[in-house]
Amino acid sequence: ATLDTGDDAQRFLDEFYPAEEPVLLRNAARAPGTAEDICQLLNDRIAADDRKTERIMWYDVREQLLDEICGTPDVVAQVMNERDAFLRENCVRIWFNPRGQLSPWHYDGHSLHVFNLQLKGRKRWTIVSPDTPLACMPFNNTCLFNQYSLNGKRHYEFTLQEGDMIFLPRYWYH
């Protein structure tokens, strides 16, 4: 499904989030400036944050790090509260990816729902339902993928444009 975050936010919260169905949310957030400006600003903030967690391919940071850049989209803020969700201190994950970056097929671990905001540029996605799982490496969430893996699988292909956000429920391969 594709919804507009302004007009359809309540529909998302009532229908799609509880049912754990993926949704493409258009017009979720905007960040003024160029991709280079945003990357520099984020890099400066991450470098100054003594509470960040540095990973191999990303940084885990506090939600407040983004406040002056784009803010937290309202639909995310409504589900990211102590009553309804377990929140880590560093609950925002930031990637800087160059054009053409490919990620290995996987689903996100720890039974997490994901909101992926495309702040700048665009990204091509293919997602596969956990109802029709892909073969994974033993004891791992990384898939063994070949060109026939999507035959007969419930899957969707789409492009996130600048300002769009995908709600990816737990265990959806991407």
N, C-alpha and C. Protein backbone atom coordinates (compact mmCIF):
# COMPACT_ATOMS: atom_id res chain seq x y z
N ALA A 1 0.84 -1.18 0.00
CA ALA A 1 0.00 0.00 0.00
C ALA A 1 0.88 1.24 0.00
N THR A 2 0.38 2.29 -0.57
CA THR A 2 1.05 3.58 -0.56
C THR A 2 0.10 4.59 0.06
N LEU A 3 0.57 5.28 1.09
CA LEU A 3 -0.24 6.27 1.80
C LEU A 3 0.50 7.59 1.83
N ASP A 4 -0.22 8.67 2.04
CA ASP A 4 0.37 9.97 2.26
C ASP A 4 0.40 10.21 3.76
N THR A 5 1.55 10.58 4.30
CA THR A 5 1.65 10.73 5.76
C THR A 5 0.76 11.83 6.29
N GLY A 6 0.47 12.84 5.50
CA GLY A 6 -0.41 13.90 5.97
C GLY A 6 -1.86 13.47 6.04
N ASP A 7 -2.36 12.90 4.94
CA ASP A 7 -3.77 12.55 4.85
C ASP A 7 -4.11 11.18 5.44
N ASP A 8 -3.17 10.26 5.42
CA ASP A 8 -3.47 8.87 5.77
C ASP A 8 -2.77 8.36 7.03
N ALA A 9 -2.23 9.26 7.85
CA ALA A 9 -1.48 8.84 9.04
C ALA A 9 -2.34 7.98 9.97
N GLN A 10 -3.56 8.39 10.21
CA GLN A 10 -4.41 7.63 11.12
C GLN A 10 -4.77 6.27 10.53
N ARG A 11 -4.98 6.22 9.23
CA ARG A 11 -5.25 4.93 8.58
C ARG A 11 -4.07 3.98 8.75
N PHE A 12 -2.86 4.50 8.59
CA PHE A 12 -1.67 3.68 8.82
C PHE A 12 -1.68 3.12 10.24
N LEU A 13 -1.90 4.00 11.22
CA LEU A 13 -1.86 3.58 12.62
C LEU A 13 -2.99 2.61 12.97
N ASP A 14 -4.13 2.75 12.34
CA ASP A 14 -5.28 1.88 12.64
C ASP A 14 -5.23 0.55 11.91
N GLU A 15 -4.79 0.56 10.65
CA GLU A 15 -4.89 -0.63 9.82
C GLU A 15 -3.57 -1.37 9.59
N PHE A 16 -2.55 -0.66 9.19
CA PHE A 16 -1.34 -1.31 8.71
C PHE A 16 -0.34 -1.64 9.81
N TYR A 17 -0.13 -0.71 10.73
CA TYR A 17 0.84 -0.96 11.81
C TYR A 17 0.43 -2.17 12.66
N PRO A 18 -0.82 -2.23 13.17
CA PRO A 18 -1.18 -3.40 13.99
C PRO A 18 -1.17 -4.71 13.21
N ALA A 19 -1.48 -4.66 11.91
CA ALA A 19 -1.50 -5.87 11.08
C ALA A 19 -0.11 -6.26 10.60
N GLU A 20 0.88 -5.42 10.87
CA GLU A 20 2.26 -5.66 10.44
C GLU A 20 2.35 -5.88 8.93
N GLU A 21 1.74 -4.94 8.20
CA GLU A 21 1.81 -4.95 6.74
C GLU A 21 2.69 -3.79 6.29
N PRO A 22 3.58 -4.02 5.33
CA PRO A 22 4.45 -2.94 4.88
C PRO A 22 3.66 -1.84 4.18
N VAL A 23 4.14 -0.63 4.33
CA VAL A 23 3.48 0.53 3.73
C VAL A 23 4.55 1.50 3.26
N LEU A 24 4.35 2.03 2.07
CA LEU A 24 5.18 3.12 1.57
C LEU A 24 4.47 4.41 1.95
N LEU A 25 5.11 5.23 2.75
CA LEU A 25 4.54 6.49 3.24
C LEU A 25 5.19 7.65 2.49
N ARG A 26 4.41 8.29 1.65
CA ARG A 26 4.92 9.42 0.87
C ARG A 26 4.94 10.68 1.72
N ASN A 27 5.86 11.59 1.41
CA ASN A 27 5.94 12.92 2.04
C ASN A 27 6.11 12.83 3.56
N ALA A 28 6.98 11.96 4.02
CA ALA A 28 7.18 11.76 5.46
C ALA A 28 8.03 12.86 6.09
N ALA A 29 9.04 13.34 5.38
CA ALA A 29 9.93 14.36 5.94
C ALA A 29 10.73 15.01 4.82
N ARG A 30 11.15 16.21 5.07
CA ARG A 30 12.01 16.93 4.12
C ARG A 30 13.20 17.50 4.87
N ALA A 31 14.31 17.54 4.20
CA ALA A 31 15.52 18.14 4.78
C ALA A 31 16.06 19.13 3.76
N PRO A 32 16.12 20.41 4.12
CA PRO A 32 16.64 21.39 3.17
C PRO A 32 18.13 21.19 2.92
N GLY A 33 18.57 21.60 1.76
CA GLY A 33 19.99 21.50 1.43
C GLY A 33 20.27 20.32 0.53
N THR A 34 21.51 20.23 0.13
CA THR A 34 21.95 19.15 -0.75
C THR A 34 22.29 17.91 0.06
N ALA A 35 22.45 16.81 -0.62
CA ALA A 35 22.86 15.57 0.05
C ALA A 35 24.20 15.77 0.76
N GLU A 36 25.11 16.51 0.12
CA GLU A 36 26.42 16.77 0.73
C GLU A 36 26.27 17.60 2.01
N ASP A 37 25.37 18.61 1.98
CA ASP A 37 25.13 19.43 3.17
C ASP A 37 24.61 18.57 4.32
N ILE A 38 23.63 17.73 4.02
CA ILE A 38 23.02 16.88 5.05
C ILE A 38 24.05 15.88 5.59
N CYS A 39 24.82 15.28 4.71
CA CYS A 39 25.85 14.32 5.16
C CYS A 39 26.86 15.01 6.07
N GLN A 40 27.29 16.21 5.70
CA GLN A 40 28.26 16.94 6.52
C GLN A 40 27.67 17.28 7.88
N LEU A 41 26.43 17.76 7.91
CA LEU A 41 25.77 18.09 9.17
C LEU A 41 25.60 16.85 10.05
N LEU A 42 25.15 15.75 9.45
CA LEU A 42 25.01 14.51 10.22
C LEU A 42 26.36 14.01 10.72
N ASN A 43 27.39 14.06 9.86
CA ASN A 43 28.73 13.63 10.28
C ASN A 43 29.23 14.46 11.45
N ASP A 44 29.03 15.78 11.39
CA ASP A 44 29.47 16.65 12.48
C ASP A 44 28.74 16.30 13.78
N ARG A 45 27.44 16.08 13.68
CA ARG A 45 26.66 15.75 14.89
C ARG A 45 27.04 14.38 15.45
N ILE A 46 27.24 13.42 14.56
CA ILE A 46 27.63 12.07 15.01
C ILE A 46 28.99 12.13 15.68
N ALA A 47 29.94 12.86 15.09
CA ALA A 47 31.29 12.95 15.65
C ALA A 47 31.27 13.57 17.05
N ALA A 48 30.35 14.50 17.29
CA ALA A 48 30.28 15.20 18.58
C ALA A 48 29.45 14.43 19.61
N ASP A 49 28.78 13.37 19.21
CA ASP A 49 27.88 12.64 20.11
C ASP A 49 28.65 11.54 20.84
N ASP A 50 28.87 11.72 22.14
CA ASP A 50 29.63 10.72 22.89
C ASP A 50 28.78 9.50 23.25
N ARG A 51 27.48 9.54 22.93
CA ARG A 51 26.62 8.39 23.23
C ARG A 51 26.29 7.55 22.00
N LYS A 52 26.84 7.90 20.84
CA LYS A 52 26.57 7.13 19.62
C LYS A 52 27.17 5.73 19.75
N THR A 53 26.64 4.82 18.95
CA THR A 53 27.22 3.49 18.82
C THR A 53 27.66 3.35 17.38
N GLU A 54 28.94 3.11 17.18
CA GLU A 54 29.48 3.00 15.83
C GLU A 54 29.51 1.53 15.44
N ARG A 55 28.90 1.23 14.31
CA ARG A 55 28.87 -0.13 13.77
C ARG A 55 29.70 -0.18 12.51
N ILE A 56 29.76 -1.33 11.89
CA ILE A 56 30.56 -1.48 10.67
C ILE A 56 30.02 -0.63 9.53
N MET A 57 28.68 -0.64 9.34
CA MET A 57 28.11 0.06 8.18
C MET A 57 27.16 1.18 8.56
N TRP A 58 26.96 1.45 9.85
CA TRP A 58 25.99 2.47 10.25
C TRP A 58 26.32 2.99 11.64
N TYR A 59 25.57 4.00 12.06
CA TYR A 59 25.67 4.56 13.40
C TYR A 59 24.30 4.46 14.06
N ASP A 60 24.28 4.09 15.34
CA ASP A 60 23.07 4.16 16.15
C ASP A 60 23.17 5.43 16.98
N VAL A 61 22.14 6.27 16.89
CA VAL A 61 22.16 7.56 17.57
C VAL A 61 20.80 7.81 18.25
N ARG A 62 20.78 8.84 19.08
CA ARG A 62 19.53 9.24 19.72
C ARG A 62 18.64 9.98 18.73
N GLU A 63 17.35 9.87 18.91
CA GLU A 63 16.37 10.51 18.03
C GLU A 63 16.61 12.01 17.92
N GLN A 64 17.05 12.64 19.00
CA GLN A 64 17.24 14.09 19.02
C GLN A 64 18.30 14.57 18.02
N LEU A 65 19.19 13.70 17.61
CA LEU A 65 20.22 14.09 16.66
C LEU A 65 19.60 14.58 15.35
N LEU A 66 18.43 14.08 15.00
CA LEU A 66 17.78 14.44 13.75
C LEU A 66 16.82 15.62 13.86
N ASP A 67 16.54 16.06 15.08
CA ASP A 67 15.47 17.04 15.29
C ASP A 67 15.57 18.28 14.42
N GLU A 68 16.74 18.89 14.33
CA GLU A 68 16.88 20.12 13.55
C GLU A 68 17.08 19.87 12.07
N ILE A 69 17.32 18.62 11.68
CA ILE A 69 17.54 18.30 10.27
C ILE A 69 16.21 18.02 9.57
N CYS A 70 15.44 17.09 10.13
CA CYS A 70 14.16 16.76 9.50
C CYS A 70 13.08 16.45 10.53
N GLY A 71 13.44 16.27 11.77
CA GLY A 71 12.46 15.90 12.79
C GLY A 71 12.03 14.46 12.63
N THR A 72 11.32 13.96 13.60
CA THR A 72 10.78 12.61 13.54
C THR A 72 9.38 12.69 12.93
N PRO A 73 9.13 11.96 11.84
CA PRO A 73 7.80 11.98 11.26
C PRO A 73 6.74 11.62 12.31
N ASP A 74 5.59 12.29 12.26
CA ASP A 74 4.55 12.10 13.27
C ASP A 74 4.13 10.65 13.45
N VAL A 75 3.98 9.91 12.35
CA VAL A 75 3.55 8.51 12.49
C VAL A 75 4.57 7.68 13.25
N VAL A 76 5.84 8.01 13.10
CA VAL A 76 6.88 7.30 13.84
C VAL A 76 6.84 7.70 15.31
N ALA A 77 6.72 8.99 15.57
CA ALA A 77 6.66 9.47 16.95
C ALA A 77 5.49 8.84 17.70
N GLN A 78 4.39 8.60 17.02
CA GLN A 78 3.23 8.03 17.70
C GLN A 78 3.43 6.58 18.11
N VAL A 79 4.24 5.83 17.38
CA VAL A 79 4.47 4.43 17.76
C VAL A 79 5.76 4.24 18.56
N MET A 80 6.61 5.25 18.57
CA MET A 80 7.85 5.16 19.34
C MET A 80 7.66 5.80 20.71
N ASN A 81 6.88 5.14 21.53
CA ASN A 81 6.69 5.63 22.89
C ASN A 81 6.84 4.46 23.85
N GLU A 82 7.19 4.76 25.07
CA GLU A 82 7.50 3.74 26.07
C GLU A 82 6.33 2.78 26.31
N ARG A 83 5.10 3.26 26.13
CA ARG A 83 3.93 2.42 26.40
C ARG A 83 3.78 1.31 25.36
N ASP A 84 4.06 1.61 24.10
CA ASP A 84 3.80 0.67 23.02
C ASP A 84 5.04 -0.03 22.47
N ALA A 85 6.22 0.45 22.79
CA ALA A 85 7.42 -0.11 22.17
C ALA A 85 8.59 -0.09 23.14
N PHE A 86 9.47 -1.06 22.96
CA PHE A 86 10.74 -1.05 23.67
C PHE A 86 11.67 -0.14 22.87
N LEU A 87 12.19 0.88 23.52
CA LEU A 87 13.08 1.81 22.84
C LEU A 87 14.46 1.79 23.46
N ARG A 88 15.45 1.61 22.62
CA ARG A 88 16.82 1.77 23.08
C ARG A 88 17.15 3.25 23.13
N GLU A 89 18.15 3.62 23.90
CA GLU A 89 18.55 5.03 23.94
C GLU A 89 18.92 5.51 22.52
N ASN A 90 19.71 4.71 21.82
CA ASN A 90 20.10 5.03 20.45
C ASN A 90 19.18 4.27 19.49
N CYS A 91 17.99 4.81 19.28
CA CYS A 91 16.97 4.08 18.51
C CYS A 91 16.91 4.48 17.05
N VAL A 92 17.80 5.36 16.61
CA VAL A 92 17.84 5.78 15.21
C VAL A 92 19.14 5.25 14.60
N ARG A 93 19.01 4.64 13.46
CA ARG A 93 20.17 4.08 12.77
C ARG A 93 20.38 4.89 11.50
N ILE A 94 21.60 5.35 11.27
CA ILE A 94 21.90 6.19 10.11
C ILE A 94 22.93 5.50 9.23
N TRP A 95 22.61 5.44 7.94
CA TRP A 95 23.54 4.93 6.92
C TRP A 95 23.88 6.06 5.97
N PHE A 96 25.10 6.05 5.49
CA PHE A 96 25.52 6.91 4.39
C PHE A 96 25.90 5.96 3.26
N ASN A 97 25.12 5.94 2.20
CA ASN A 97 25.40 5.01 1.11
C ASN A 97 25.63 5.75 -0.20
N PRO A 98 26.67 5.37 -0.92
CA PRO A 98 26.90 5.97 -2.24
C PRO A 98 25.95 5.36 -3.27
N ARG A 99 25.85 6.03 -4.40
CA ARG A 99 25.05 5.52 -5.51
C ARG A 99 25.49 4.10 -5.86
N GLY A 100 24.51 3.22 -6.09
CA GLY A 100 24.82 1.85 -6.49
C GLY A 100 25.07 0.89 -5.35
N GLN A 101 24.97 1.35 -4.11
CA GLN A 101 25.20 0.49 -2.94
C GLN A 101 24.18 -0.65 -2.91
N LEU A 102 24.64 -1.87 -2.75
CA LEU A 102 23.76 -3.04 -2.62
C LEU A 102 23.97 -3.67 -1.26
N SER A 103 22.87 -4.03 -0.63
CA SER A 103 22.95 -4.74 0.65
C SER A 103 22.66 -6.21 0.40
N PRO A 104 23.27 -7.11 1.16
CA PRO A 104 22.91 -8.52 1.00
C PRO A 104 21.48 -8.74 1.47
N TRP A 105 20.80 -9.71 0.89
CA TRP A 105 19.45 -10.05 1.30
C TRP A 105 19.44 -10.46 2.76
N HIS A 106 18.51 -9.87 3.52
CA HIS A 106 18.43 -10.16 4.96
C HIS A 106 17.09 -9.67 5.50
N TYR A 107 16.83 -10.00 6.73
CA TYR A 107 15.79 -9.31 7.48
C TYR A 107 16.47 -8.78 8.73
N ASP A 108 15.90 -7.71 9.30
CA ASP A 108 16.52 -7.09 10.47
C ASP A 108 16.24 -7.93 11.71
N GLY A 109 17.28 -8.19 12.46
CA GLY A 109 17.18 -9.06 13.63
C GLY A 109 16.51 -8.40 14.83
N HIS A 110 16.48 -9.10 15.90
CA HIS A 110 15.93 -8.64 17.18
C HIS A 110 14.43 -8.36 17.10
N SER A 111 13.73 -8.95 16.13
CA SER A 111 12.28 -8.81 16.01
C SER A 111 11.86 -7.34 15.94
N LEU A 112 12.60 -6.54 15.17
CA LEU A 112 12.35 -5.11 15.10
C LEU A 112 11.51 -4.73 13.89
N HIS A 113 10.57 -3.80 14.10
CA HIS A 113 9.93 -3.10 12.99
C HIS A 113 10.90 -1.99 12.57
N VAL A 114 10.87 -1.64 11.29
CA VAL A 114 11.78 -0.62 10.79
C VAL A 114 10.99 0.45 10.04
N PHE A 115 11.33 1.70 10.31
CA PHE A 115 10.89 2.82 9.49
C PHE A 115 12.14 3.32 8.80
N ASN A 116 12.19 3.22 7.49
CA ASN A 116 13.36 3.65 6.74
C ASN A 116 13.00 4.90 5.96
N LEU A 117 13.59 6.03 6.35
CA LEU A 117 13.33 7.31 5.73
C LEU A 117 14.42 7.61 4.70
N GLN A 118 14.01 7.90 3.48
CA GLN A 118 14.94 8.26 2.42
C GLN A 118 15.09 9.78 2.46
N LEU A 119 16.11 10.24 3.17
CA LEU A 119 16.27 11.67 3.38
C LEU A 119 16.71 12.40 2.12
N LYS A 120 17.66 11.83 1.41
CA LYS A 120 18.14 12.40 0.14
C LYS A 120 18.29 11.28 -0.87
N GLY A 121 18.20 11.63 -2.14
CA GLY A 121 18.36 10.65 -3.21
C GLY A 121 17.17 9.71 -3.31
N ARG A 122 17.42 8.55 -3.86
CA ARG A 122 16.36 7.53 -3.96
C ARG A 122 17.00 6.15 -3.84
N LYS A 123 16.15 5.17 -3.53
CA LYS A 123 16.65 3.82 -3.34
C LYS A 123 15.63 2.82 -3.84
N ARG A 124 16.10 1.87 -4.62
CA ARG A 124 15.27 0.79 -5.15
C ARG A 124 15.19 -0.32 -4.10
N TRP A 125 13.97 -0.80 -3.83
CA TRP A 125 13.74 -1.84 -2.83
C TRP A 125 13.01 -3.03 -3.44
N THR A 126 13.30 -4.20 -2.94
CA THR A 126 12.48 -5.38 -3.13
C THR A 126 12.31 -5.97 -1.74
N ILE A 127 11.07 -6.24 -1.35
CA ILE A 127 10.81 -6.84 -0.04
C ILE A 127 10.01 -8.13 -0.24
N VAL A 128 10.24 -9.09 0.65
CA VAL A 128 9.61 -10.39 0.56
C VAL A 128 8.97 -10.73 1.90
N SER A 129 7.74 -11.18 1.85
CA SER A 129 6.99 -11.50 3.05
C SER A 129 7.63 -12.65 3.83
N PRO A 130 7.58 -12.58 5.17
CA PRO A 130 8.06 -13.71 5.97
C PRO A 130 7.15 -14.94 5.83
N ASP A 131 5.94 -14.75 5.28
CA ASP A 131 5.05 -15.88 5.03
C ASP A 131 5.60 -16.78 3.93
N THR A 132 6.47 -16.24 3.11
CA THR A 132 7.08 -17.00 2.02
C THR A 132 8.59 -16.81 2.11
N PRO A 133 9.21 -17.38 3.15
CA PRO A 133 10.61 -17.06 3.44
C PRO A 133 11.59 -17.53 2.38
N LEU A 134 12.71 -16.86 2.38
CA LEU A 134 13.84 -17.22 1.53
C LEU A 134 14.76 -18.13 2.33
N ALA A 135 15.53 -18.92 1.65
CA ALA A 135 16.50 -19.78 2.32
C ALA A 135 17.59 -18.91 2.93
N CYS A 136 17.90 -19.16 4.19
CA CYS A 136 18.94 -18.40 4.89
C CYS A 136 20.11 -19.28 5.26
N MET A 137 21.24 -18.62 5.49
CA MET A 137 22.39 -19.34 6.02
C MET A 137 22.01 -19.87 7.41
N PRO A 138 22.51 -21.02 7.80
CA PRO A 138 22.17 -21.56 9.11
C PRO A 138 22.49 -20.58 10.24
N PHE A 139 21.56 -20.45 11.17
CA PHE A 139 21.71 -19.60 12.36
C PHE A 139 22.00 -18.15 12.00
N ASN A 140 21.37 -17.67 10.92
CA ASN A 140 21.67 -16.34 10.42
C ASN A 140 20.43 -15.75 9.78
N ASN A 141 20.37 -14.44 9.64
CA ASN A 141 19.25 -13.79 8.97
C ASN A 141 19.64 -13.27 7.59
N THR A 142 20.76 -13.73 7.05
CA THR A 142 21.21 -13.37 5.71
C THR A 142 20.81 -14.47 4.75
N CYS A 143 20.21 -14.09 3.62
CA CYS A 143 19.63 -15.05 2.69
C CYS A 143 20.64 -15.56 1.67
N LEU A 144 20.38 -16.77 1.24
CA LEU A 144 21.08 -17.36 0.10
C LEU A 144 20.17 -17.10 -1.09
N PHE A 145 20.53 -16.17 -1.93
CA PHE A 145 19.62 -15.69 -2.97
C PHE A 145 20.11 -16.06 -4.34
N ASN A 146 19.16 -16.46 -5.20
CA ASN A 146 19.48 -16.61 -6.61
C ASN A 146 18.32 -16.05 -7.42
N GLN A 147 18.44 -16.02 -8.73
CA GLN A 147 17.45 -15.35 -9.56
C GLN A 147 16.07 -15.98 -9.48
N TYR A 148 15.95 -17.22 -9.00
CA TYR A 148 14.66 -17.88 -8.92
C TYR A 148 14.02 -17.77 -7.53
N SER A 149 14.69 -17.13 -6.60
CA SER A 149 14.21 -17.09 -5.23
C SER A 149 12.86 -16.40 -5.06
N LEU A 150 12.50 -15.48 -5.95
CA LEU A 150 11.24 -14.76 -5.81
C LEU A 150 10.05 -15.45 -6.49
N ASN A 151 10.31 -16.52 -7.24
CA ASN A 151 9.21 -17.24 -7.88
C ASN A 151 8.25 -17.76 -6.83
N GLY A 152 6.97 -17.38 -6.94
CA GLY A 152 5.95 -17.85 -6.02
C GLY A 152 5.97 -17.18 -4.66
N LYS A 153 6.80 -16.18 -4.47
CA LYS A 153 6.90 -15.49 -3.18
C LYS A 153 6.05 -14.21 -3.22
N ARG A 154 5.45 -13.87 -2.07
CA ARG A 154 4.75 -12.59 -1.97
C ARG A 154 5.82 -11.52 -1.79
N HIS A 155 6.00 -10.71 -2.81
CA HIS A 155 7.04 -9.69 -2.76
C HIS A 155 6.57 -8.43 -3.46
N TYR A 156 7.26 -7.33 -3.15
CA TYR A 156 6.94 -6.03 -3.73
C TYR A 156 8.24 -5.36 -4.15
N GLU A 157 8.17 -4.62 -5.24
CA GLU A 157 9.32 -3.84 -5.71
C GLU A 157 8.87 -2.40 -5.86
N PHE A 158 9.70 -1.47 -5.41
CA PHE A 158 9.33 -0.05 -5.44
C PHE A 158 10.59 0.78 -5.26
N THR A 159 10.46 2.08 -5.48
CA THR A 159 11.56 3.01 -5.27
C THR A 159 11.14 4.04 -4.24
N LEU A 160 11.95 4.20 -3.20
CA LEU A 160 11.74 5.28 -2.24
C LEU A 160 12.34 6.54 -2.85
N GLN A 161 11.53 7.59 -2.93
CA GLN A 161 11.99 8.88 -3.41
C GLN A 161 12.37 9.73 -2.21
N GLU A 162 13.06 10.80 -2.46
CA GLU A 162 13.45 11.73 -1.40
C GLU A 162 12.21 12.16 -0.60
N GLY A 163 12.26 11.99 0.71
CA GLY A 163 11.15 12.34 1.58
C GLY A 163 10.18 11.21 1.88
N ASP A 164 10.33 10.08 1.19
CA ASP A 164 9.47 8.92 1.42
C ASP A 164 10.00 8.06 2.56
N MET A 165 9.13 7.24 3.11
CA MET A 165 9.52 6.35 4.19
C MET A 165 8.79 5.02 4.00
N ILE A 166 9.48 3.94 4.27
CA ILE A 166 8.86 2.61 4.24
C ILE A 166 8.71 2.13 5.68
N PHE A 167 7.53 1.59 5.99
CA PHE A 167 7.37 0.83 7.23
C PHE A 167 7.57 -0.61 6.84
N LEU A 168 8.63 -1.21 7.39
CA LEU A 168 8.98 -2.59 7.10
C LEU A 168 8.80 -3.40 8.39
N PRO A 169 7.74 -4.20 8.46
CA PRO A 169 7.52 -4.99 9.67
C PRO A 169 8.61 -6.03 9.88
N ARG A 170 8.70 -6.50 11.10
CA ARG A 170 9.73 -7.48 11.45
C ARG A 170 9.67 -8.69 10.52
N TYR A 171 10.84 -9.21 10.26
CA TYR A 171 11.07 -10.43 9.48
C TYR A 171 10.80 -10.31 7.98
N TRP A 172 10.53 -9.11 7.47
CA TRP A 172 10.40 -8.96 6.03
C TRP A 172 11.80 -8.89 5.43
N TYR A 173 12.07 -9.77 4.48
CA TYR A 173 13.37 -9.79 3.81
C TYR A 173 13.47 -8.57 2.87
N HIS A 174 14.67 -8.03 2.76
CA HIS A 174 14.90 -6.92 1.84
C HIS A 174 16.36 -6.89 1.43
